[in-house]
Every structure is written in structure tokens, then in C-alpha cells.
Amino acid sequence: MTYPSVVSAVVRALAAETINSAGGCDFEPKVQVARVPGEISGKEAAFLSDCWVHGRLHKALPVGLWLALVAKYSTHLERKHDAMMALAGSVKSPAPERFIIAATATWAFPKLPGMEGKRSTSVLPASWYDMDRWSEEPVAERTQHRWKSAIRRDLEDQVNKALVEAQHILDMEGLISCQAA
């Protein structure tokens, strides 16, 4: 299986870990007799590729870069939360710790459009998106925005570095399609 882009590969690989046997999915892949005997094909083959890519990236990427991808793209809430907290601890900023954690949390769980931002269960309560609650001391609004922008820029830089590394890994494995735009 080849992926159209590195982001597509990362998203599918991270989503593969949340797939379980609920909803009629089989743990064992089905061998499809209509094709070559013993060959796994179709969605089972795609799932196996996604699992392989997940393992390959997890092993090959440095821990900080892997955590950046998990915090940004994972659908596994516990792993996403753990990665987000680890990233928050590595952010260099003059902002107080509570502000850094809140800025990182709202970056990892962005407010989505829709009724009160509740199109998804992966949205924080509305009060989390209020920057005035991110620190115990009153801070000027310009300072809050500057801190928030710097923190998000740092987090996005980490994600971009991780995607570049993942691109190299997946290119070496021949898993990214080379179609011209």
C-alpha cells in the first residue's frame, strides 16, 4: 500500500491503534480466496500496512518527534493526553507552567466549529479556550497572545520536523506515492 502524503500515512497509522473488535471487526485478517491463495488484500491489507507504519515510525523517530505527532494527530485520547503533557514539559517559554499546559492542550485539542465547539468528543470544555484563565496572575492580553503564539509555533515546528523525518522513513520504504500535482 502507498499513501498519498506523509500526513495521510501518519493519521492512518495513529488511527490504527484505536481500531478494536467492536463493530464487527475481526482481529485475524481474512484471507481472500478470490485472489492469490493465502494473500491478504483489501481493507485487511491496508490495516496491516497502517499497523506496520505505526510501529516503524514509533521505533524510528526520536521520542520528542513521535510525541509531537501523537499529540497532534492521534485519536487515542489517553495517548494524546500523555503526549501533550510531555510536550508541555519540554516547551521553553517565559509563561507560567499553567499557561504552557493550557496553550499546549488547546493546540492538541483545537476548538471545532459547530454548536459550542462540540462536534467531537475530543474537544475541551469552553472555559479551556479562555486565555484569561490560563494563569493565576493577571497578564496583559498582548503578552498572552505573544506567549500563546510562541508556544504554538514551537509545537508546530516539532510536528513539521517529525513529518520531515517520517517522510524520509516512508520514502525509503517506498510507501509514499510519487504522483505529480
C-alpha atoms as a PDB file:
ATOM      1  CA  MET A   1       0.000   0.000   0.000  1.00  0.00           C
ATOM      2  CA  THR A   2       1.186   3.501  -0.770  1.00  0.00           C
ATOM      3  CA  TYR A   3      -0.045   6.676   0.880  1.00  0.00           C
ATOM      4  CA  PRO A   4      -0.773   9.933  -0.975  1.00  0.00           C
ATOM      5  CA  SER A   5       1.158  12.004   1.602  1.00  0.00           C
ATOM      6  CA  VAL A   6       3.109  11.688   4.801  1.00  0.00           C
ATOM      7  CA  VAL A   7       0.271  13.282   6.805  1.00  0.00           C
ATOM      8  CA  SER A   8      -2.143  10.694   5.437  1.00  0.00           C
ATOM      9  CA  ALA A   9       0.220   7.891   6.450  1.00  0.00           C
ATOM     10  CA  VAL A  10       0.711   9.315   9.949  1.00  0.00           C
ATOM     11  CA  VAL A  11      -3.016   9.876  10.538  1.00  0.00           C
ATOM     12  CA  ARG A  12      -3.925   6.364   9.357  1.00  0.00           C
ATOM     13  CA  ALA A  13      -1.115   4.782  11.373  1.00  0.00           C
ATOM     14  CA  LEU A  14      -2.119   6.592  14.557  1.00  0.00           C
ATOM     15  CA  ALA A  15      -5.794   5.763  13.999  1.00  0.00           C
ATOM     16  CA  ALA A  16      -4.954   2.073  13.565  1.00  0.00           C
ATOM     17  CA  GLU A  17      -4.190   1.724  17.267  1.00  0.00           C
ATOM     18  CA  THR A  18      -7.754   2.669  18.209  1.00  0.00           C
ATOM     19  CA  ILE A  19      -9.366   0.036  15.999  1.00  0.00           C
ATOM     20  CA  ASN A  20     -10.606  -2.899  18.043  1.00  0.00           C
ATOM     21  CA  SER A  21     -13.026  -5.757  17.667  1.00  0.00           C
ATOM     22  CA  ALA A  22     -16.100  -3.577  18.341  1.00  0.00           C
ATOM     23  CA  GLY A  23     -18.446  -3.169  15.419  1.00  0.00           C
ATOM     24  CA  GLY A  24     -17.736  -6.489  13.789  1.00  0.00           C
ATOM     25  CA  CYS A  25     -14.041  -6.041  13.022  1.00  0.00           C
ATOM     26  CA  ASP A  26     -12.111  -9.296  13.119  1.00  0.00           C
ATOM     27  CA  PHE A  27      -8.807  -9.473  14.917  1.00  0.00           C
ATOM     28  CA  GLU A  28      -7.404 -12.007  12.464  1.00  0.00           C
ATOM     29  CA  PRO A  29      -7.207 -10.715   8.890  1.00  0.00           C
ATOM     30  CA  LYS A  30      -9.279 -12.666   6.400  1.00  0.00           C
ATOM     31  CA  VAL A  31      -7.517 -14.431   3.590  1.00  0.00           C
ATOM     32  CA  GLN A  32      -9.380 -13.696   0.410  1.00  0.00           C
ATOM     33  CA  VAL A  33      -9.624 -16.791  -1.746  1.00  0.00           C
ATOM     34  CA  ALA A  34     -10.652 -14.943  -4.912  1.00  0.00           C
ATOM     35  CA  ARG A  35      -7.112 -13.680  -5.348  1.00  0.00           C
ATOM     36  CA  VAL A  36      -3.816 -15.432  -4.885  1.00  0.00           C
ATOM     37  CA  PRO A  37      -4.326 -18.188  -2.285  1.00  0.00           C
ATOM     38  CA  GLY A  38      -3.099 -17.034   1.113  1.00  0.00           C
ATOM     39  CA  GLU A  39      -2.848 -13.373   0.118  1.00  0.00           C
ATOM     40  CA  ILE A  40      -4.282 -10.730   2.413  1.00  0.00           C
ATOM     41  CA  SER A  41      -5.894  -7.913   0.458  1.00  0.00           C
ATOM     42  CA  GLY A  42      -8.399  -5.104   0.696  1.00  0.00           C
ATOM     43  CA  LYS A  43      -9.080  -3.344   3.970  1.00  0.00           C
ATOM     44  CA  GLU A  44      -7.287  -6.045   5.958  1.00  0.00           C
ATOM     45  CA  ALA A  45      -4.083  -5.429   3.991  1.00  0.00           C
ATOM     46  CA  ALA A  46      -4.487  -1.679   4.430  1.00  0.00           C
ATOM     47  CA  PHE A  47      -4.969  -2.143   8.186  1.00  0.00           C
ATOM     48  CA  LEU A  48      -1.848  -4.307   8.409  1.00  0.00           C
ATOM     49  CA  SER A  49       0.110  -1.652   6.485  1.00  0.00           C
ATOM     50  CA  ASP A  50      -1.161   1.034   8.847  1.00  0.00           C
ATOM     51  CA  CYS A  51      -0.089  -1.043  11.857  1.00  0.00           C
ATOM     52  CA  TRP A  52       3.330  -1.643  10.313  1.00  0.00           C
ATOM     53  CA  VAL A  53       3.790   2.086   9.598  1.00  0.00           C
ATOM     54  CA  HIS A  54       2.762   2.877  13.186  1.00  0.00           C
ATOM     55  CA  GLY A  55       5.396   0.526  14.565  1.00  0.00           C
ATOM     56  CA  ARG A  56       8.063   1.661  12.108  1.00  0.00           C
ATOM     57  CA  LEU A  57       7.569   5.371  12.869  1.00  0.00           C
ATOM     58  CA  HIS A  58       7.321   4.787  16.618  1.00  0.00           C
ATOM     59  CA  LYS A  59      10.615   2.916  16.600  1.00  0.00           C
ATOM     60  CA  ALA A  60      12.495   5.121  14.124  1.00  0.00           C
ATOM     61  CA  LEU A  61      11.509   8.624  15.242  1.00  0.00           C
ATOM     62  CA  PRO A  62      13.141  10.292  18.251  1.00  0.00           C
ATOM     63  CA  VAL A  63      10.815  10.305  21.262  1.00  0.00           C
ATOM     64  CA  GLY A  64      10.099  14.050  21.154  1.00  0.00           C
ATOM     65  CA  LEU A  65       9.138  13.961  17.483  1.00  0.00           C
ATOM     66  CA  TRP A  66       6.936  10.886  17.987  1.00  0.00           C
ATOM     67  CA  LEU A  67       5.165  12.648  20.880  1.00  0.00           C
ATOM     68  CA  ALA A  68       4.557  15.702  18.684  1.00  0.00           C
ATOM     69  CA  LEU A  69       2.824  13.525  16.066  1.00  0.00           C
ATOM     70  CA  VAL A  70       0.760  11.709  18.684  1.00  0.00           C
ATOM     71  CA  ALA A  71      -0.321  14.958  20.357  1.00  0.00           C
ATOM     72  CA  LYS A  72      -1.307  16.499  17.018  1.00  0.00           C
ATOM     73  CA  TYR A  73      -2.859  13.585  15.097  1.00  0.00           C
ATOM     74  CA  SER A  74      -3.766  10.682  17.407  1.00  0.00           C
ATOM     75  CA  THR A  75      -7.358   9.680  18.043  1.00  0.00           C
ATOM     76  CA  HIS A  76      -6.398   7.648  21.128  1.00  0.00           C
ATOM     77  CA  LEU A  77      -7.343  10.133  23.859  1.00  0.00           C
ATOM     78  CA  GLU A  78      -5.154   8.710  26.618  1.00  0.00           C
ATOM     79  CA  ARG A  79      -2.034   8.590  24.434  1.00  0.00           C
ATOM     80  CA  LYS A  80      -2.817  12.035  23.015  1.00  0.00           C
ATOM     81  CA  HIS A  81      -3.157  13.456  26.534  1.00  0.00           C
ATOM     82  CA  ASP A  82       0.094  11.830  27.723  1.00  0.00           C
ATOM     83  CA  ALA A  83       1.981  13.094  24.665  1.00  0.00           C
ATOM     84  CA  MET A  84       0.509  16.569  25.112  1.00  0.00           C
ATOM     85  CA  MET A  85       1.617  16.719  28.751  1.00  0.00           C
ATOM     86  CA  ALA A  86       5.125  15.519  27.846  1.00  0.00           C
ATOM     87  CA  LEU A  87       5.351  18.169  25.122  1.00  0.00           C
ATOM     88  CA  ALA A  88       4.141  20.865  27.519  1.00  0.00           C
ATOM     89  CA  GLY A  89       7.020  19.955  29.829  1.00  0.00           C
ATOM     90  CA  SER A  90       9.534  20.440  27.024  1.00  0.00           C
ATOM     91  CA  VAL A  91       8.287  23.850  25.824  1.00  0.00           C
ATOM     92  CA  LYS A  92      10.637  26.728  26.563  1.00  0.00           C
ATOM     93  CA  SER A  93       8.658  29.854  27.414  1.00  0.00           C
ATOM     94  CA  PRO A  94       8.658  32.686  29.962  1.00  0.00           C
ATOM     95  CA  ALA A  95       4.965  31.909  30.528  1.00  0.00           C
ATOM     96  CA  PRO A  96       3.905  30.218  33.773  1.00  0.00           C
ATOM     97  CA  GLU A  97       3.560  26.418  33.725  1.00  0.00           C
ATOM     98  CA  ARG A  98      -0.246  26.548  33.860  1.00  0.00           C
ATOM     99  CA  PHE A  99      -0.312  28.812  30.799  1.00  0.00           C
ATOM    100  CA  ILE A 100       2.028  26.488  28.872  1.00  0.00           C
ATOM    101  CA  ILE A 101      -0.107  23.453  29.694  1.00  0.00           C
ATOM    102  CA  ALA A 102      -3.327  25.232  28.676  1.00  0.00           C
ATOM    103  CA  ALA A 103      -1.791  26.536  25.435  1.00  0.00           C
ATOM    104  CA  THR A 104      -0.498  23.055  24.599  1.00  0.00           C
ATOM    105  CA  ALA A 105      -3.866  21.478  25.447  1.00  0.00           C
ATOM    106  CA  THR A 106      -5.802  23.876  23.224  1.00  0.00           C
ATOM    107  CA  TRP A 107      -3.277  23.261  20.427  1.00  0.00           C
ATOM    108  CA  ALA A 108      -3.693  19.478  20.733  1.00  0.00           C
ATOM    109  CA  PHE A 109      -7.489  19.729  21.104  1.00  0.00           C
ATOM    110  CA  PRO A 110      -8.464  22.730  18.953  1.00  0.00           C
ATOM    111  CA  LYS A 111     -11.924  24.219  19.294  1.00  0.00           C
ATOM    112  CA  LEU A 112     -14.008  22.938  16.414  1.00  0.00           C
ATOM    113  CA  PRO A 113     -16.780  24.820  14.637  1.00  0.00           C
ATOM    114  CA  GLY A 114     -20.308  23.847  15.443  1.00  0.00           C
ATOM    115  CA  MET A 115     -22.623  24.077  18.387  1.00  0.00           C
ATOM    116  CA  GLU A 116     -20.377  25.361  21.186  1.00  0.00           C
ATOM    117  CA  GLY A 117     -17.441  23.567  19.578  1.00  0.00           C
ATOM    118  CA  LYS A 118     -18.984  20.186  20.389  1.00  0.00           C
ATOM    119  CA  ARG A 119     -18.789  18.387  17.038  1.00  0.00           C
ATOM    120  CA  SER A 120     -16.465  15.871  18.613  1.00  0.00           C
ATOM    121  CA  THR A 121     -15.784  14.274  21.954  1.00  0.00           C
ATOM    122  CA  SER A 122     -12.168  15.407  21.528  1.00  0.00           C
ATOM    123  CA  VAL A 123     -12.972  18.998  22.437  1.00  0.00           C
ATOM    124  CA  LEU A 124     -12.158  20.587  25.752  1.00  0.00           C
ATOM    125  CA  PRO A 125     -14.786  22.434  27.797  1.00  0.00           C
ATOM    126  CA  ALA A 126     -15.336  26.009  26.582  1.00  0.00           C
ATOM    127  CA  SER A 127     -13.592  27.504  29.624  1.00  0.00           C
ATOM    128  CA  TRP A 128     -10.291  25.936  28.499  1.00  0.00           C
ATOM    129  CA  TYR A 129     -10.213  28.201  25.443  1.00  0.00           C
ATOM    130  CA  ASP A 130     -10.414  31.395  27.573  1.00  0.00           C
ATOM    131  CA  MET A 131      -6.817  32.675  27.880  1.00  0.00           C
ATOM    132  CA  ASP A 132      -7.674  34.770  30.935  1.00  0.00           C
ATOM    133  CA  ARG A 133      -7.982  31.506  32.895  1.00  0.00           C
ATOM    134  CA  TRP A 134      -4.566  30.220  31.838  1.00  0.00           C
ATOM    135  CA  SER A 135      -2.633  31.971  34.586  1.00  0.00           C
ATOM    136  CA  GLU A 136      -3.327  32.846  38.183  1.00  0.00           C
ATOM    137  CA  GLU A 137      -1.805  36.316  37.902  1.00  0.00           C
ATOM    138  CA  PRO A 138      -3.375  38.926  35.620  1.00  0.00           C
ATOM    139  CA  VAL A 139      -1.381  39.198  32.388  1.00  0.00           C
ATOM    140  CA  ALA A 140      -1.749  41.755  29.613  1.00  0.00           C
ATOM    141  CA  GLU A 141      -3.659  40.477  26.595  1.00  0.00           C
ATOM    142  CA  ARG A 142      -0.764  41.244  24.216  1.00  0.00           C
ATOM    143  CA  THR A 143       1.578  39.215  26.412  1.00  0.00           C
ATOM    144  CA  GLN A 144      -0.883  36.309  26.490  1.00  0.00           C
ATOM    145  CA  HIS A 145      -1.144  36.310  22.692  1.00  0.00           C
ATOM    146  CA  ARG A 146       2.637  36.551  22.297  1.00  0.00           C
ATOM    147  CA  TRP A 147       3.183  33.616  24.684  1.00  0.00           C
ATOM    148  CA  LYS A 148       0.458  31.557  23.028  1.00  0.00           C
ATOM    149  CA  SER A 149       1.839  32.242  19.530  1.00  0.00           C
ATOM    150  CA  ALA A 150       5.384  31.330  20.563  1.00  0.00           C
ATOM    151  CA  ILE A 151       4.243  28.103  22.240  1.00  0.00           C
ATOM    152  CA  ARG A 152       2.154  27.046  19.243  1.00  0.00           C
ATOM    153  CA  ARG A 153       4.950  27.964  16.840  1.00  0.00           C
ATOM    154  CA  ASP A 154       7.323  25.752  18.849  1.00  0.00           C
ATOM    155  CA  LEU A 155       4.831  22.864  18.829  1.00  0.00           C
ATOM    156  CA  GLU A 156       4.177  23.214  15.084  1.00  0.00           C
ATOM    157  CA  ASP A 157       7.930  23.297  14.437  1.00  0.00           C
ATOM    158  CA  GLN A 158       8.252  19.990  16.283  1.00  0.00           C
ATOM    159  CA  VAL A 159       5.410  18.492  14.222  1.00  0.00           C
ATOM    160  CA  ASN A 160       6.999  19.740  10.988  1.00  0.00           C
ATOM    161  CA  LYS A 161      10.362  18.211  11.949  1.00  0.00           C
ATOM    162  CA  ALA A 162       8.597  14.946  12.765  1.00  0.00           C
ATOM    163  CA  LEU A 163       6.791  14.964   9.410  1.00  0.00           C
ATOM    164  CA  VAL A 164      10.067  15.572   7.558  1.00  0.00           C
ATOM    165  CA  GLU A 165      11.678  12.638   9.374  1.00  0.00           C
ATOM    166  CA  ALA A 166       8.610  10.466   8.743  1.00  0.00           C
ATOM    167  CA  GLN A 167       8.727  11.452   5.059  1.00  0.00           C
ATOM    168  CA  HIS A 168      12.327  10.229   4.833  1.00  0.00           C
ATOM    169  CA  ILE A 169      11.459   6.945   6.547  1.00  0.00           C
ATOM    170  CA  LEU A 170       8.393   6.297   4.387  1.00  0.00           C
ATOM    171  CA  ASP A 171      10.216   7.313   1.196  1.00  0.00           C
ATOM    172  CA  MET A 172      12.984   4.811   1.964  1.00  0.00           C
ATOM    173  CA  GLU A 173      10.305   2.133   2.394  1.00  0.00           C
ATOM    174  CA  GLY A 174       8.571   3.199  -0.856  1.00  0.00           C
ATOM    175  CA  LEU A 175       5.277   3.953   0.884  1.00  0.00           C
ATOM    176  CA  ILE A 176       4.588   7.487  -0.438  1.00  0.00           C
ATOM    177  CA  SER A 177       3.134   7.742  -3.932  1.00  0.00           C
ATOM    178  CA  CYS A 178       5.158   9.892  -6.329  1.00  0.00           C
ATOM    179  CA  GLN A 179       2.349  11.461  -8.364  1.00  0.00           C
ATOM    180  CA  ALA A 180       2.928  14.902  -9.818  1.00  0.00           C
ATOM    181  CA  ALA A 181       0.341  17.528  -8.927  1.00  0.00           C
END
